[in-house]
C-alpha atoms as a PDB file:
ATOM      1  CA  ALA A   1      -5.917  16.668  19.678  1.00  0.00           C
ATOM      2  CA  ILE A   2      -3.515  13.805  20.449  1.00  0.00           C
ATOM      3  CA  PHE A   3      -1.896  16.036  23.083  1.00  0.00           C
ATOM      4  CA  THR A   4      -4.829  18.178  24.154  1.00  0.00           C
ATOM      5  CA  ASP A   5      -7.744  15.743  23.992  1.00  0.00           C
ATOM      6  CA  PRO A   6      -6.599  12.152  23.448  1.00  0.00           C
ATOM      7  CA  GLN A   7     -10.012  10.792  24.416  1.00  0.00           C
ATOM      8  CA  LEU A   8     -11.532  12.692  21.483  1.00  0.00           C
ATOM      9  CA  VAL A   9      -9.079  10.981  19.109  1.00  0.00           C
ATOM     10  CA  HIS A  10     -10.138   7.583  20.448  1.00  0.00           C
ATOM     11  CA  GLU A  11     -13.822   8.506  20.083  1.00  0.00           C
ATOM     12  CA  ILE A  12     -13.344   9.723  16.503  1.00  0.00           C
ATOM     13  CA  ASN A  13     -11.456   6.542  15.607  1.00  0.00           C
ATOM     14  CA  THR A  14     -14.193   4.390  17.136  1.00  0.00           C
ATOM     15  CA  ALA A  15     -16.917   6.240  15.222  1.00  0.00           C
ATOM     16  CA  TYR A  16     -14.940   6.039  11.969  1.00  0.00           C
ATOM     17  CA  ILE A  17     -14.290   2.296  12.309  1.00  0.00           C
ATOM     18  CA  ASP A  18     -17.917   1.610  13.267  1.00  0.00           C
ATOM     19  CA  TRP A  19     -19.092   3.526  10.185  1.00  0.00           C
ATOM     20  CA  THR A  20     -16.542   1.809   7.904  1.00  0.00           C
ATOM     21  CA  LEU A  21     -17.581  -1.654   9.061  1.00  0.00           C
ATOM     22  CA  ALA A  22     -21.294  -0.851   8.660  1.00  0.00           C
ATOM     23  CA  VAL A  23     -20.718   0.318   5.079  1.00  0.00           C
ATOM     24  CA  ALA A  24     -18.475  -2.685   4.362  1.00  0.00           C
ATOM     25  CA  LYS A  25     -21.159  -5.136   5.501  1.00  0.00           C
ATOM     26  CA  LYS A  26     -23.532  -3.652   2.937  1.00  0.00           C
ATOM     27  CA  ALA A  27     -20.847  -3.553   0.236  1.00  0.00           C
ATOM     28  CA  ALA A  28     -19.947  -7.199   0.884  1.00  0.00           C
ATOM     29  CA  MET A  29     -23.409  -8.204  -0.335  1.00  0.00           C
ATOM     30  CA  LEU A  30     -22.752  -6.732  -3.780  1.00  0.00           C
ATOM     31  CA  GLU A  31     -21.444  -8.863  -6.616  1.00  0.00           C
ATOM     32  CA  GLY A  32     -17.981  -8.136  -7.941  1.00  0.00           C
ATOM     33  CA  ILE A  33     -16.258  -7.273  -4.666  1.00  0.00           C
ATOM     34  CA  ASP A  34     -12.820  -8.930  -4.650  1.00  0.00           C
ATOM     35  CA  ALA A  35     -11.120  -7.044  -1.831  1.00  0.00           C
ATOM     36  CA  PHE A  36     -11.429  -4.049   0.437  1.00  0.00           C
ATOM     37  CA  PHE A  37      -9.017  -1.194  -0.268  1.00  0.00           C
ATOM     38  CA  ILE A  38      -8.192   1.071   2.684  1.00  0.00           C
ATOM     39  CA  SER A  39      -6.512   4.378   1.931  1.00  0.00           C
ATOM     40  CA  ASP A  40      -4.584   6.159   4.665  1.00  0.00           C
ATOM     41  CA  ASP A  41      -1.410   8.168   4.307  1.00  0.00           C
ATOM     42  CA  TRP A  42       0.818   7.999   7.364  1.00  0.00           C
ATOM     43  CA  GLY A  43       4.131   8.815   5.710  1.00  0.00           C
ATOM     44  CA  SER A  44       5.831  11.616   3.847  1.00  0.00           C
ATOM     45  CA  SER A  45       8.641  11.127   1.371  1.00  0.00           C
ATOM     46  CA  THR A  46      11.124  11.228   4.262  1.00  0.00           C
ATOM     47  CA  GLY A  47       9.386   9.439   7.118  1.00  0.00           C
ATOM     48  CA  PRO A  48       6.280   9.099   9.271  1.00  0.00           C
ATOM     49  CA  LEU A  49       3.798  11.951   9.653  1.00  0.00           C
ATOM     50  CA  ILE A  50       3.243  11.004  13.299  1.00  0.00           C
ATOM     51  CA  ALA A  51       5.531   9.634  15.991  1.00  0.00           C
ATOM     52  CA  PRO A  52       5.504   5.822  15.795  1.00  0.00           C
ATOM     53  CA  ASP A  53       4.638   5.433  19.501  1.00  0.00           C
ATOM     54  CA  GLN A  54       1.605   7.709  19.062  1.00  0.00           C
ATOM     55  CA  PHE A  55       0.653   5.803  15.941  1.00  0.00           C
ATOM     56  CA  ASP A  56       0.831   2.515  17.840  1.00  0.00           C
ATOM     57  CA  GLU A  57      -1.265   3.898  20.703  1.00  0.00           C
ATOM     58  CA  PHE A  58      -3.942   5.816  18.807  1.00  0.00           C
ATOM     59  CA  PHE A  59      -4.248   4.181  15.410  1.00  0.00           C
ATOM     60  CA  ILE A  60      -3.072   0.566  15.388  1.00  0.00           C
ATOM     61  CA  PRO A  61      -5.817  -0.778  17.717  1.00  0.00           C
ATOM     62  CA  PRO A  62      -8.733   0.716  15.723  1.00  0.00           C
ATOM     63  CA  PHE A  63      -7.029  -0.132  12.429  1.00  0.00           C
ATOM     64  CA  ARG A  64      -6.647  -3.758  13.595  1.00  0.00           C
ATOM     65  CA  ARG A  65     -10.350  -3.839  14.505  1.00  0.00           C
ATOM     66  CA  MET A  66     -11.219  -2.518  11.047  1.00  0.00           C
ATOM     67  CA  VAL A  67      -8.947  -4.957   9.198  1.00  0.00           C
ATOM     68  CA  GLN A  68     -10.185  -7.944  11.192  1.00  0.00           C
ATOM     69  CA  GLY A  69     -13.798  -6.863  10.712  1.00  0.00           C
ATOM     70  CA  LEU A  70     -13.307  -6.540   6.960  1.00  0.00           C
ATOM     71  CA  LYS A  71     -11.515  -9.885   6.744  1.00  0.00           C
ATOM     72  CA  SER A  72     -14.344 -11.537   8.692  1.00  0.00           C
ATOM     73  CA  LEU A  73     -16.563 -10.677   5.719  1.00  0.00           C
ATOM     74  CA  GLY A  74     -14.400 -12.991   3.602  1.00  0.00           C
ATOM     75  CA  PHE A  75     -12.268 -10.525   1.671  1.00  0.00           C
ATOM     76  CA  PRO A  76      -8.588  -9.627   1.639  1.00  0.00           C
ATOM     77  CA  VAL A  77      -7.731  -6.117   2.812  1.00  0.00           C
ATOM     78  CA  ILE A  78      -5.316  -3.986   0.792  1.00  0.00           C
ATOM     79  CA  MET A  79      -3.830  -0.935   2.464  1.00  0.00           C
ATOM     80  CA  HIS A  80      -2.779   2.126   0.462  1.00  0.00           C
ATOM     81  CA  ASN A  81      -0.249   4.165   2.377  1.00  0.00           C
ATOM     82  CA  ASP A  82       2.062   6.657   0.700  1.00  0.00           C
ATOM     83  CA  GLY A  83       5.490   7.625   1.802  1.00  0.00           C
ATOM     84  CA  ASN A  84       8.186   6.176   3.973  1.00  0.00           C
ATOM     85  CA  ILE A  85       6.373   4.088   6.576  1.00  0.00           C
ATOM     86  CA  TRP A  86       9.211   1.769   7.650  1.00  0.00           C
ATOM     87  CA  ASP A  87       8.741   2.741  11.300  1.00  0.00           C
ATOM     88  CA  MET A  88       5.053   1.803  11.137  1.00  0.00           C
ATOM     89  CA  LEU A  89       5.035  -1.168   8.813  1.00  0.00           C
ATOM     90  CA  ASP A  90       5.429  -3.876  11.468  1.00  0.00           C
ATOM     91  CA  GLY A  91       2.360  -2.581  13.277  1.00  0.00           C
ATOM     92  CA  LEU A  92       0.345  -2.294  10.079  1.00  0.00           C
ATOM     93  CA  VAL A  93       1.281  -5.789   8.891  1.00  0.00           C
ATOM     94  CA  GLY A  94       0.459  -7.031  12.391  1.00  0.00           C
ATOM     95  CA  THR A  95      -3.140  -5.874  11.925  1.00  0.00           C
ATOM     96  CA  GLY A  96      -3.578  -8.587   9.306  1.00  0.00           C
ATOM     97  CA  ILE A  97      -3.586  -6.584   6.080  1.00  0.00           C
ATOM     98  CA  SER A  98      -3.258  -8.738   2.981  1.00  0.00           C
ATOM     99  CA  GLY A  99      -1.639  -6.211   0.657  1.00  0.00           C
ATOM    100  CA  TYR A 100       0.392  -3.014   0.716  1.00  0.00           C
ATOM    101  CA  ASN A 101       0.229  -0.359  -1.992  1.00  0.00           C
ATOM    102  CA  PRO A 102       2.192   1.482  -3.377  1.00  0.00           C
ATOM    103  CA  VAL A 103       5.637   0.491  -1.902  1.00  0.00           C
ATOM    104  CA  GLU A 104       6.847   3.966  -2.833  1.00  0.00           C
ATOM    105  CA  ARG A 105      10.403   3.746  -4.167  1.00  0.00           C
ATOM    106  CA  ALA A 106      10.894   7.517  -4.221  1.00  0.00           C
ATOM    107  CA  ALA A 107      10.131   7.625  -0.482  1.00  0.00           C
ATOM    108  CA  GLY A 108      12.739   4.988   0.320  1.00  0.00           C
ATOM    109  CA  MET A 109      10.443   1.968   0.489  1.00  0.00           C
ATOM    110  CA  ASP A 110      12.599  -0.853  -0.850  1.00  0.00           C
ATOM    111  CA  LEU A 111      10.576  -3.668  -2.433  1.00  0.00           C
ATOM    112  CA  ASN A 112      13.289  -6.244  -1.772  1.00  0.00           C
ATOM    113  CA  LYS A 113      13.466  -5.351   1.932  1.00  0.00           C
ATOM    114  CA  VAL A 114       9.674  -5.443   2.298  1.00  0.00           C
ATOM    115  CA  LYS A 115       9.517  -8.872   0.616  1.00  0.00           C
ATOM    116  CA  GLU A 116      12.350 -10.169   2.843  1.00  0.00           C
ATOM    117  CA  ARG A 117      10.817  -8.773   6.026  1.00  0.00           C
ATOM    118  CA  TYR A 118       7.334 -10.234   5.433  1.00  0.00           C
ATOM    119  CA  PRO A 119       7.796 -13.396   3.365  1.00  0.00           C
ATOM    120  CA  GLY A 120       4.463 -14.919   2.435  1.00  0.00           C
ATOM    121  CA  LYS A 121       2.545 -12.455   4.647  1.00  0.00           C
ATOM    122  CA  LEU A 122       1.983  -9.509   2.358  1.00  0.00           C
ATOM    123  CA  CYS A 123       1.143  -8.873  -1.283  1.00  0.00           C
ATOM    124  CA  CYS A 124       3.273  -5.926  -2.398  1.00  0.00           C
ATOM    125  CA  ILE A 125       1.874  -3.613  -5.060  1.00  0.00           C
ATOM    126  CA  GLY A 126       3.884  -0.989  -6.901  1.00  0.00           C
ATOM    127  CA  ASN A 127       7.494   0.169  -6.960  1.00  0.00           C
ATOM    128  CA  VAL A 128       8.016   1.556 -10.483  1.00  0.00           C
ATOM    129  CA  ASP A 129       9.055   5.149  -9.729  1.00  0.00           C
ATOM    130  CA  ASN A 130       6.415   7.614 -10.938  1.00  0.00           C
ATOM    131  CA  LYS A 131       8.417  10.680  -9.946  1.00  0.00           C
ATOM    132  CA  ILE A 132      11.630  10.195 -11.905  1.00  0.00           C
ATOM    133  CA  THR A 133      11.773   7.056 -14.045  1.00  0.00           C
ATOM    134  CA  LEU A 134       8.260   7.192 -15.485  1.00  0.00           C
ATOM    135  CA  VAL A 135       8.325  10.997 -15.839  1.00  0.00           C
ATOM    136  CA  SER A 136      11.759  11.663 -17.300  1.00  0.00           C
ATOM    137  CA  GLY A 137      13.319   8.264 -17.925  1.00  0.00           C
ATOM    138  CA  SER A 138      13.806   6.828 -21.376  1.00  0.00           C
ATOM    139  CA  VAL A 139      11.697   3.906 -22.560  1.00  0.00           C
ATOM    140  CA  GLU A 140      14.752   1.707 -21.969  1.00  0.00           C
ATOM    141  CA  GLU A 141      15.063   2.930 -18.371  1.00  0.00           C
ATOM    142  CA  VAL A 142      11.368   2.255 -17.758  1.00  0.00           C
ATOM    143  CA  ILE A 143      11.759  -1.264 -19.161  1.00  0.00           C
ATOM    144  CA  ALA A 144      14.850  -1.878 -16.992  1.00  0.00           C
ATOM    145  CA  GLU A 145      13.164  -0.659 -13.789  1.00  0.00           C
ATOM    146  CA  THR A 146      10.001  -2.616 -14.550  1.00  0.00           C
ATOM    147  CA  LYS A 147      12.035  -5.787 -15.105  1.00  0.00           C
ATOM    148  CA  GLU A 148      13.958  -5.141 -11.880  1.00  0.00           C
ATOM    149  CA  CYS A 149      10.689  -4.839  -9.932  1.00  0.00           C
ATOM    150  CA  LEU A 150       9.390  -8.068 -11.461  1.00  0.00           C
ATOM    151  CA  GLU A 151      12.635  -9.902 -10.680  1.00  0.00           C
ATOM    152  CA  ILE A 152      12.480  -8.766  -7.046  1.00  0.00           C
ATOM    153  CA  GLY A 153       8.737  -8.989  -6.518  1.00  0.00           C
ATOM    154  CA  MET A 154       7.684 -12.180  -8.275  1.00  0.00           C
ATOM    155  CA  PRO A 155       9.736 -14.867  -6.486  1.00  0.00           C
ATOM    156  CA  GLY A 156       7.544 -16.452  -3.839  1.00  0.00           C
ATOM    157  CA  GLY A 157       4.424 -14.792  -5.259  1.00  0.00           C
ATOM    158  CA  GLY A 158       2.567 -11.964  -3.635  1.00  0.00           C
ATOM    159  CA  TYR A 159       3.464  -9.192  -6.065  1.00  0.00           C
ATOM    160  CA  ILE A 160       1.448  -6.939  -8.354  1.00  0.00           C
ATOM    161  CA  LEU A 161       3.485  -4.532 -10.434  1.00  0.00           C
ATOM    162  CA  SER A 162       2.282  -0.959 -10.738  1.00  0.00           C
ATOM    163  CA  SER A 163       3.717   2.510 -10.490  1.00  0.00           C
ATOM    164  CA  ASP A 164       4.676   3.506  -6.967  1.00  0.00           C
ATOM    165  CA  HIS A 165       1.780   5.918  -7.005  1.00  0.00           C
ATOM    166  CA  SER A 166      -0.775   7.128  -9.537  1.00  0.00           C
ATOM    167  CA  PHE A 167      -0.168   7.939 -13.174  1.00  0.00           C
ATOM    168  CA  HIS A 168      -0.290  11.692 -13.750  1.00  0.00           C
ATOM    169  CA  ASP A 169      -0.122  14.103 -16.700  1.00  0.00           C
ATOM    170  CA  ASP A 170       3.668  14.413 -16.587  1.00  0.00           C
ATOM    171  CA  ILE A 171       4.200  10.771 -17.521  1.00  0.00           C
ATOM    172  CA  PRO A 172       4.688  10.248 -21.264  1.00  0.00           C
ATOM    173  CA  LEU A 173       2.326   7.674 -22.748  1.00  0.00           C
ATOM    174  CA  GLU A 174       5.247   5.791 -24.285  1.00  0.00           C
ATOM    175  CA  ASN A 175       6.641   5.183 -20.787  1.00  0.00           C
ATOM    176  CA  ILE A 176       3.303   3.879 -19.534  1.00  0.00           C
ATOM    177  CA  SER A 177       3.099   1.637 -22.605  1.00  0.00           C
ATOM    178  CA  ALA A 178       6.668   0.419 -22.040  1.00  0.00           C
ATOM    179  CA  MET A 179       5.829  -0.540 -18.451  1.00  0.00           C
ATOM    180  CA  ILE A 180       2.657  -2.380 -19.497  1.00  0.00           C
ATOM    181  CA  GLU A 181       4.324  -4.230 -22.378  1.00  0.00           C
ATOM    182  CA  THR A 182       7.222  -5.264 -20.132  1.00  0.00           C
ATOM    183  CA  VAL A 183       4.763  -6.716 -17.619  1.00  0.00           C
ATOM    184  CA  LYS A 184       2.986  -8.608 -20.401  1.00  0.00           C
ATOM    185  CA  LYS A 185       6.295 -10.049 -21.581  1.00  0.00           C
ATOM    186  CA  TYR A 186       8.030 -10.830 -18.267  1.00  0.00           C
ATOM    187  CA  GLY A 187       5.379 -10.657 -15.564  1.00  0.00           C
ATOM    188  CA  LYS A 188       3.672 -14.032 -15.778  1.00  0.00           C
ATOM    189  CA  TYR A 189       3.772 -16.431 -12.848  1.00  0.00           C
END
């Protein structure tokens, strides 16, 4: 539709953002809301799913309106976005998001580079590899990678350690436990 009916894409985005903000206004009245979590996947493991110029034209303006509307309700906005989104990250951070999850290591998203590029602007969440290290790594390798993430992510604040995506059945419990225990031991600000 981007090529054949771009106006339709704009109309769908407008309707989606209007709906999201209406629901968020109701949700903001509930107790226990700490942040809004937006989930969109714009990247694959090798790069963007859409040309960055099309992304900037069709999706950044409505996304900015959504983020600013959510923030106006008094809550930080955390964006979940899988994959390698380097070519889109400036635009997404420019919308005013507060956090970025999952900083997917396996897709080439380097926690150190993200922290350097957006110092003090973005809370990074993730970066322990859930495709190799957590699945087939030894407990010692999980501990080492978890410590590495903490050493990179914690300076200057704005870091929450987690896997670089969800936990799944292929991850041995001892590796999940090793990650959690390492955070308890080394992950205090």
